[in-house]
Amino acid sequence: MSAKIEKIIVRLQQKTTEGQYYEAQQQTRVVAARYIKQENWDAAIDILYNVAQSLLKAEQGGSGGDLSLMLLDVYKQAQLKPDAANKGKLLTLLRLFDSEEPTRKKFITDMIVWSAKCGDYPAGEPELHHVAGSLYAEEHEAYEAERHLALGTKDSPEVFAKLEYEWYTQDDSHTAALYAARAVFPYLLTGNIRDASKSLRLFTSRLTEANKNLGVQDVSSTSSDLRIYPSLPLLNFLGLLLLAVQKGSADLFRQLKSKYASHIKEAGIWDEALTTVAEMYFGIQRPRQGNPLFDMMGSMFGGPGAAGPKQPQTRRVEAPAPAAEGLD
């Protein structure tokens, strides 16, 4: 940072110290815009980042959030890569936001969009997802946390499993598998077998530690170890499903669905996820959907209904999916 830029930052931060928050924000926007026009990205970033920090620390979320969003715009214009330094600045600012500040959600969204566009991960940088998801989990914003943790790092399953277990403790004891599945299925549907297995293991560990009287049977073979819960059939199904995925066994998958059909029906919300898992891991095509009358007329007269509507292609994941190791 040049001496000139440092002096500008000190002067602008002084406005914040004096309580002139609006002036600090507006003057920062004007000065930063001048450097943006010159494409002096480093100067614009230093000014915006430092003054945004000062405002957020002064609990001026609206002003600090506005400058944080302007900083992200600079990242986009400069087409900066999400390297450690650039991500570090954004995460520092993110952690300073108050949870109730409305601009925080837009900041998180824009941060992910930038990292997806300029980085190597089409869904956004795992580290950014992990920190955002962890913050939401601490604040018990379960739905927001889930969206990010499913795309996070190798540390995310710990946070994910804890979130789901704490949520489960507020429900009936027999619903354990429904909450465990909220971590298992998202990981499976993103091709991440490793973290699907890890999240189930962490969830069930918490479950057994907190419920000493819960019946548990350990089943071991030369290739795998499995815990069976006689009173929680759907939890057993999830464990066996992961085993089938790791083996790439379509026959085992079909047997599982048949054996646990009544329990899966009771769950009532797994059908679409299981259909996609079947397609991704076992090459089992999803049932063709369409208007039965239209399909019948099409087959009779050779019209477009003969083939039915085209289904979106689902990427096939081969067992044991070693690519999952590169997600973080």
Protein backbone atom coordinates (compact mmCIF):
# COMPACT_ATOMS: atom_id res chain seq x y z
CA MET A 1 0.00 0.00 0.00
CA SER A 2 1.43 3.38 -1.01
CA ALA A 3 1.79 6.22 1.49
CA LYS A 4 -0.81 8.21 -0.45
CA ILE A 5 -3.45 5.47 -0.20
CA GLU A 6 -2.63 4.92 3.46
CA LYS A 7 -3.24 8.62 4.18
CA ILE A 8 -6.60 8.48 2.36
CA ILE A 9 -7.65 5.47 4.42
CA VAL A 10 -6.62 7.09 7.72
CA ARG A 11 -8.59 10.24 6.83
CA LEU A 12 -11.69 8.25 5.93
CA GLN A 13 -11.43 6.06 9.03
CA GLN A 14 -11.18 9.21 11.13
CA LYS A 15 -14.67 10.12 9.92
CA THR A 16 -15.90 6.83 11.34
CA THR A 17 -14.10 7.43 14.64
CA GLU A 18 -15.82 10.82 14.88
CA GLY A 19 -19.22 9.24 14.27
CA GLN A 20 -19.61 10.72 10.77
CA TYR A 21 -20.62 7.39 9.32
CA TYR A 22 -22.60 8.61 6.33
CA GLU A 23 -19.81 11.00 5.33
CA ALA A 24 -17.26 8.19 5.64
CA GLN A 25 -19.33 5.95 3.40
CA GLN A 26 -20.06 8.57 0.75
CA GLN A 27 -16.52 9.93 0.58
CA THR A 28 -15.14 6.41 0.34
CA ARG A 29 -17.45 5.66 -2.60
CA VAL A 30 -16.30 8.82 -4.41
CA VAL A 31 -12.58 8.17 -3.84
CA ALA A 32 -12.85 4.47 -4.71
CA ALA A 33 -14.81 5.26 -7.88
CA ARG A 34 -11.94 7.47 -9.05
CA TYR A 35 -9.45 4.62 -8.71
CA ILE A 36 -11.87 2.16 -10.29
CA LYS A 37 -12.15 4.43 -13.33
CA GLN A 38 -8.34 4.41 -13.57
CA GLU A 39 -8.44 0.58 -13.19
CA ASN A 40 -6.16 0.95 -10.20
CA TRP A 41 -7.76 -2.08 -8.61
CA ASP A 42 -5.30 -2.43 -5.71
CA ALA A 43 -5.92 1.12 -4.50
CA ALA A 44 -9.70 0.78 -4.77
CA ILE A 45 -9.62 -2.53 -2.91
CA ASP A 46 -7.40 -1.22 -0.09
CA ILE A 47 -9.65 1.80 0.44
CA LEU A 48 -12.96 -0.08 0.33
CA TYR A 49 -11.77 -3.00 2.44
CA ASN A 50 -10.28 -0.92 5.24
CA VAL A 51 -13.10 1.60 5.54
CA ALA A 52 -15.75 -1.15 5.30
CA GLN A 53 -14.02 -2.89 8.20
CA SER A 54 -14.08 0.29 10.30
CA LEU A 55 -17.78 0.84 9.65
CA LEU A 56 -18.75 -2.75 10.38
CA LYS A 57 -16.75 -2.69 13.61
CA ALA A 58 -18.63 0.50 14.52
CA GLU A 59 -21.87 -1.50 14.03
CA GLN A 60 -22.77 0.49 10.94
CA GLY A 61 -23.93 -2.50 8.96
CA GLY A 62 -25.73 -0.61 6.23
CA SER A 63 -22.78 1.62 5.39
CA GLY A 64 -20.18 -1.11 5.89
CA GLY A 65 -22.28 -3.54 3.88
CA ASP A 66 -22.62 -1.06 1.02
CA LEU A 67 -18.84 -0.66 0.79
CA SER A 68 -18.39 -4.43 1.06
CA LEU A 69 -20.69 -4.93 -1.91
CA MET A 70 -18.78 -2.25 -3.83
CA LEU A 71 -15.57 -4.15 -3.03
CA LEU A 72 -17.07 -7.27 -4.58
CA ASP A 73 -17.99 -5.27 -7.68
CA VAL A 74 -14.31 -4.35 -7.98
CA TYR A 75 -13.35 -8.02 -7.69
CA LYS A 76 -15.77 -8.80 -10.53
CA GLN A 77 -14.62 -5.93 -12.77
CA ALA A 78 -10.97 -6.81 -12.23
CA GLN A 79 -11.79 -10.52 -12.74
CA LEU A 80 -9.73 -11.37 -9.68
CA LYS A 81 -9.24 -15.03 -8.83
CA PRO A 82 -10.52 -16.31 -5.48
CA ASP A 83 -7.03 -16.82 -4.05
CA ALA A 84 -6.26 -16.92 -0.34
CA ALA A 85 -5.75 -13.14 -0.04
CA ASN A 86 -8.94 -12.17 -1.85
CA LYS A 87 -11.06 -14.74 -0.02
CA GLY A 88 -9.45 -13.72 3.27
CA LYS A 89 -10.60 -10.10 2.90
CA LEU A 90 -14.16 -11.16 2.14
CA LEU A 91 -14.32 -13.60 5.04
CA THR A 92 -12.95 -10.99 7.43
CA LEU A 93 -15.76 -8.64 6.41
CA LEU A 94 -18.37 -11.40 6.51
CA ARG A 95 -17.54 -12.25 10.11
CA LEU A 96 -17.99 -8.58 11.09
CA PHE A 97 -21.57 -8.38 9.85
CA ASP A 98 -24.34 -8.45 12.41
CA SER A 99 -26.64 -11.42 11.82
CA GLU A 100 -29.62 -9.09 11.48
CA GLU A 101 -28.00 -6.84 8.86
CA PRO A 102 -30.06 -7.12 5.63
CA THR A 103 -27.10 -6.53 3.31
CA ARG A 104 -25.26 -9.57 4.66
CA LYS A 105 -27.31 -12.05 2.65
CA LYS A 106 -26.64 -10.16 -0.60
CA PHE A 107 -22.96 -9.99 0.31
CA ILE A 108 -22.85 -13.78 0.75
CA THR A 109 -24.73 -14.36 -2.51
CA ASP A 110 -22.50 -12.00 -4.49
CA MET A 111 -19.39 -13.49 -2.90
CA ILE A 112 -20.38 -16.99 -4.02
CA VAL A 113 -21.36 -15.79 -7.52
CA TRP A 114 -18.00 -14.04 -7.95
CA SER A 115 -16.04 -17.10 -6.79
CA ALA A 116 -18.05 -19.37 -9.12
CA LYS A 117 -17.41 -17.10 -12.10
CA CYS A 118 -13.72 -16.46 -11.47
CA GLY A 119 -12.66 -19.65 -9.68
CA ASP A 120 -12.41 -23.38 -10.28
CA TYR A 121 -15.67 -24.46 -8.62
CA PRO A 122 -18.88 -24.00 -10.65
CA ALA A 123 -20.95 -23.79 -7.45
CA GLY A 124 -18.55 -21.40 -5.72
CA GLU A 125 -15.51 -21.75 -3.49
CA PRO A 126 -15.94 -24.45 -0.81
CA GLU A 127 -14.20 -22.32 1.83
CA LEU A 128 -16.66 -19.47 1.32
CA HIS A 129 -19.60 -21.89 1.52
CA HIS A 130 -18.18 -23.44 4.69
CA VAL A 131 -17.79 -20.15 6.55
CA ALA A 132 -21.21 -18.86 5.44
CA GLY A 133 -22.84 -22.18 6.35
CA SER A 134 -21.11 -22.27 9.73
CA LEU A 135 -22.31 -18.76 10.57
CA TYR A 136 -25.88 -19.67 9.65
CA ALA A 137 -25.61 -22.86 11.70
CA GLU A 138 -24.47 -20.90 14.78
CA GLU A 139 -27.51 -18.69 14.33
CA HIS A 140 -29.82 -21.73 13.93
CA GLU A 141 -30.75 -20.69 10.38
CA ALA A 142 -30.94 -24.33 9.33
CA TYR A 143 -32.16 -23.98 5.75
CA GLU A 144 -29.57 -21.37 4.82
CA ALA A 145 -26.83 -23.35 6.58
CA GLU A 146 -27.72 -26.55 4.70
CA ARG A 147 -27.46 -24.88 1.29
CA HIS A 148 -23.88 -23.81 1.97
CA LEU A 149 -22.53 -26.69 4.06
CA ALA A 150 -23.45 -29.19 1.33
CA LEU A 151 -20.96 -27.37 -0.91
CA GLY A 152 -18.33 -26.72 1.75
CA THR A 153 -15.00 -28.24 2.71
CA LYS A 154 -13.95 -31.47 4.42
CA ASP A 155 -14.64 -29.67 7.73
CA SER A 156 -18.28 -29.01 6.85
CA PRO A 157 -19.74 -32.46 7.76
CA GLU A 158 -18.86 -31.83 11.42
CA VAL A 159 -20.90 -28.62 11.41
CA PHE A 160 -23.63 -30.16 9.26
CA ALA A 161 -24.09 -33.23 11.48
CA LYS A 162 -24.15 -31.09 14.64
CA LEU A 163 -26.75 -28.78 13.12
CA GLU A 164 -29.03 -31.65 12.11
CA TYR A 165 -28.62 -33.48 15.41
CA GLU A 166 -29.48 -30.39 17.45
CA TRP A 167 -32.53 -29.86 15.25
CA TYR A 168 -33.51 -33.51 15.68
CA THR A 169 -33.44 -33.26 19.50
CA GLN A 170 -36.46 -30.97 19.29
CA ASP A 171 -38.47 -33.66 17.47
CA ASP A 172 -39.69 -37.18 18.25
CA SER A 173 -37.02 -39.83 18.85
CA HIS A 174 -38.07 -42.00 15.88
CA THR A 175 -37.37 -39.17 13.39
CA ALA A 176 -33.56 -39.44 13.64
CA ALA A 177 -33.11 -40.70 10.07
CA LEU A 178 -35.09 -37.80 8.61
CA TYR A 179 -32.58 -35.34 10.05
CA ALA A 180 -29.51 -37.44 9.23
CA ALA A 181 -30.76 -37.64 5.64
CA ARG A 182 -30.80 -33.85 5.39
CA ALA A 183 -27.00 -34.06 5.32
CA VAL A 184 -26.56 -37.44 3.60
CA PHE A 185 -28.68 -36.75 0.50
CA PRO A 186 -27.26 -33.30 -0.37
CA TYR A 187 -23.74 -34.73 -0.27
CA LEU A 188 -24.74 -37.70 -2.41
CA LEU A 189 -26.49 -35.45 -4.91
CA THR A 190 -23.31 -33.40 -5.33
CA GLY A 191 -21.26 -36.56 -5.90
CA ASN A 192 -19.55 -36.35 -2.51
CA ILE A 193 -19.70 -39.89 -1.12
CA ARG A 194 -16.93 -39.23 1.39
CA ASP A 195 -18.79 -36.49 3.25
CA ALA A 196 -22.15 -38.25 2.96
CA SER A 197 -20.61 -41.16 4.88
CA LYS A 198 -18.82 -38.87 7.32
CA SER A 199 -21.94 -36.87 8.14
CA LEU A 200 -23.94 -40.05 8.87
CA ARG A 201 -21.14 -41.39 11.04
CA LEU A 202 -20.94 -38.15 13.03
CA PHE A 203 -24.70 -37.93 13.42
CA THR A 204 -25.07 -41.50 14.66
CA SER A 205 -22.12 -41.05 17.04
CA ARG A 206 -23.93 -38.14 18.68
CA LEU A 207 -27.12 -40.19 18.76
CA THR A 208 -25.56 -43.19 20.51
CA GLU A 209 -23.57 -41.04 22.96
CA ALA A 210 -26.71 -39.20 24.04
CA ASN A 211 -28.91 -42.32 24.19
CA LYS A 212 -27.08 -45.01 26.13
CA ASN A 213 -30.11 -47.31 26.03
CA LEU A 214 -30.42 -47.22 22.25
CA GLY A 215 -30.00 -50.70 20.80
CA VAL A 216 -27.02 -50.91 18.43
CA GLN A 217 -25.54 -53.91 16.62
CA ASP A 218 -22.15 -53.76 14.90
CA VAL A 219 -22.00 -55.78 11.70
CA SER A 220 -18.55 -56.29 10.20
CA SER A 221 -17.30 -57.96 7.05
CA THR A 222 -13.96 -58.08 5.26
CA SER A 223 -14.91 -55.02 3.20
CA SER A 224 -17.06 -52.89 5.49
CA ASP A 225 -18.35 -52.14 8.98
CA LEU A 226 -21.95 -51.18 9.63
CA ARG A 227 -24.00 -50.19 12.65
CA ILE A 228 -27.58 -51.46 12.79
CA TYR A 229 -30.29 -49.79 14.88
CA PRO A 230 -33.18 -52.25 15.36
CA SER A 231 -35.58 -49.50 16.43
CA LEU A 232 -34.65 -47.06 13.61
CA PRO A 233 -35.05 -48.87 10.26
CA LEU A 234 -34.61 -45.76 8.10
CA LEU A 235 -31.27 -45.06 9.74
CA ASN A 236 -30.23 -48.57 8.73
CA PHE A 237 -31.44 -47.86 5.21
CA LEU A 238 -29.18 -44.79 4.96
CA GLY A 239 -26.16 -46.81 6.08
CA LEU A 240 -26.91 -49.60 3.61
CA LEU A 241 -27.59 -47.09 0.86
CA LEU A 242 -24.11 -45.63 1.33
CA LEU A 243 -22.68 -49.14 1.21
CA ALA A 244 -24.51 -49.82 -2.06
CA VAL A 245 -23.26 -46.53 -3.52
CA GLN A 246 -19.67 -47.34 -2.58
CA LYS A 247 -19.98 -50.75 -4.20
CA GLY A 248 -21.86 -49.40 -7.23
CA SER A 249 -24.35 -52.24 -6.81
CA ALA A 250 -27.67 -51.59 -8.55
CA ASP A 251 -29.01 -54.95 -7.36
CA LEU A 252 -28.31 -54.09 -3.73
CA PHE A 253 -29.98 -50.72 -4.22
CA ARG A 254 -33.13 -52.34 -5.65
CA GLN A 255 -33.24 -54.86 -2.80
CA LEU A 256 -32.92 -52.06 -0.25
CA LYS A 257 -35.72 -50.03 -1.81
CA SER A 258 -37.95 -53.08 -1.85
CA LYS A 259 -37.14 -54.14 1.74
CA TYR A 260 -37.62 -50.66 3.19
CA ALA A 261 -40.44 -49.56 0.85
CA SER A 262 -43.04 -49.12 3.59
CA HIS A 263 -40.67 -47.12 5.78
CA ILE A 264 -39.58 -44.93 2.85
CA LYS A 265 -43.25 -44.30 2.06
CA GLU A 266 -43.78 -43.17 5.65
CA ALA A 267 -40.91 -40.71 5.31
CA GLY A 268 -42.76 -39.28 2.33
CA ILE A 269 -40.03 -36.90 1.14
CA TRP A 270 -37.22 -39.11 -0.15
CA ASP A 271 -38.65 -40.22 -3.51
CA GLU A 272 -37.04 -37.55 -5.71
CA ALA A 273 -33.68 -37.81 -3.96
CA LEU A 274 -33.63 -41.61 -4.30
CA THR A 275 -34.63 -41.40 -7.96
CA THR A 276 -31.67 -39.09 -8.62
CA VAL A 277 -29.31 -41.28 -6.57
CA ALA A 278 -30.44 -44.29 -8.60
CA GLU A 279 -29.65 -42.45 -11.82
CA MET A 280 -26.34 -40.98 -10.67
CA TYR A 281 -24.79 -44.03 -9.03
CA PHE A 282 -26.51 -47.05 -10.55
CA GLY A 283 -27.52 -45.95 -14.05
CA ILE A 284 -31.20 -46.59 -13.30
CA GLN A 285 -33.17 -44.20 -15.48
CA ARG A 286 -35.90 -42.23 -13.79
CA PRO A 287 -39.50 -43.09 -14.73
CA ARG A 288 -40.65 -41.12 -17.76
CA GLN A 289 -43.14 -38.44 -16.79
CA GLY A 290 -45.77 -36.92 -18.98
CA ASN A 291 -49.45 -36.59 -19.76
CA PRO A 292 -50.83 -40.16 -20.10
CA LEU A 293 -53.47 -39.14 -22.67
CA PHE A 294 -50.91 -37.20 -24.71
CA ASP A 295 -48.51 -40.14 -24.58
CA MET A 296 -51.22 -42.57 -25.70
CA MET A 297 -52.25 -40.33 -28.64
CA GLY A 298 -48.61 -39.91 -29.57
CA SER A 299 -47.97 -43.64 -29.63
CA MET A 300 -51.07 -44.20 -31.77
CA PHE A 301 -50.35 -41.52 -34.35
CA GLY A 302 -46.57 -41.23 -34.21
CA GLY A 303 -46.68 -37.67 -32.88
CA PRO A 304 -44.25 -36.01 -30.49
CA GLY A 305 -45.84 -37.74 -27.55
CA ALA A 306 -44.51 -41.07 -28.76
CA ALA A 307 -41.16 -40.40 -27.19
CA GLY A 308 -42.49 -38.37 -24.27
CA PRO A 309 -40.79 -35.30 -22.85
CA LYS A 310 -37.03 -35.39 -22.69
CA GLN A 311 -35.65 -35.68 -19.18
CA PRO A 312 -32.64 -33.64 -18.07
CA GLN A 313 -29.42 -35.59 -18.14
CA THR A 314 -28.04 -36.53 -14.72
CA ARG A 315 -24.28 -37.01 -14.39
CA ARG A 316 -23.37 -40.62 -13.67
CA VAL A 317 -21.04 -41.10 -10.70
CA GLU A 318 -18.91 -44.21 -10.73
CA ALA A 319 -18.10 -46.00 -7.48
CA PRO A 320 -16.04 -45.35 -5.46
CA ALA A 321 -15.99 -41.77 -6.83
CA PRO A 322 -12.43 -40.79 -5.88
CA ALA A 323 -13.08 -37.29 -7.30
CA ALA A 324 -14.87 -36.43 -4.05
CA GLU A 325 -11.45 -36.08 -2.42
CA GLY A 326 -10.81 -32.95 -4.48
CA LEU A 327 -13.87 -31.04 -3.30
CA ASP A 328 -11.93 -29.05 -0.76
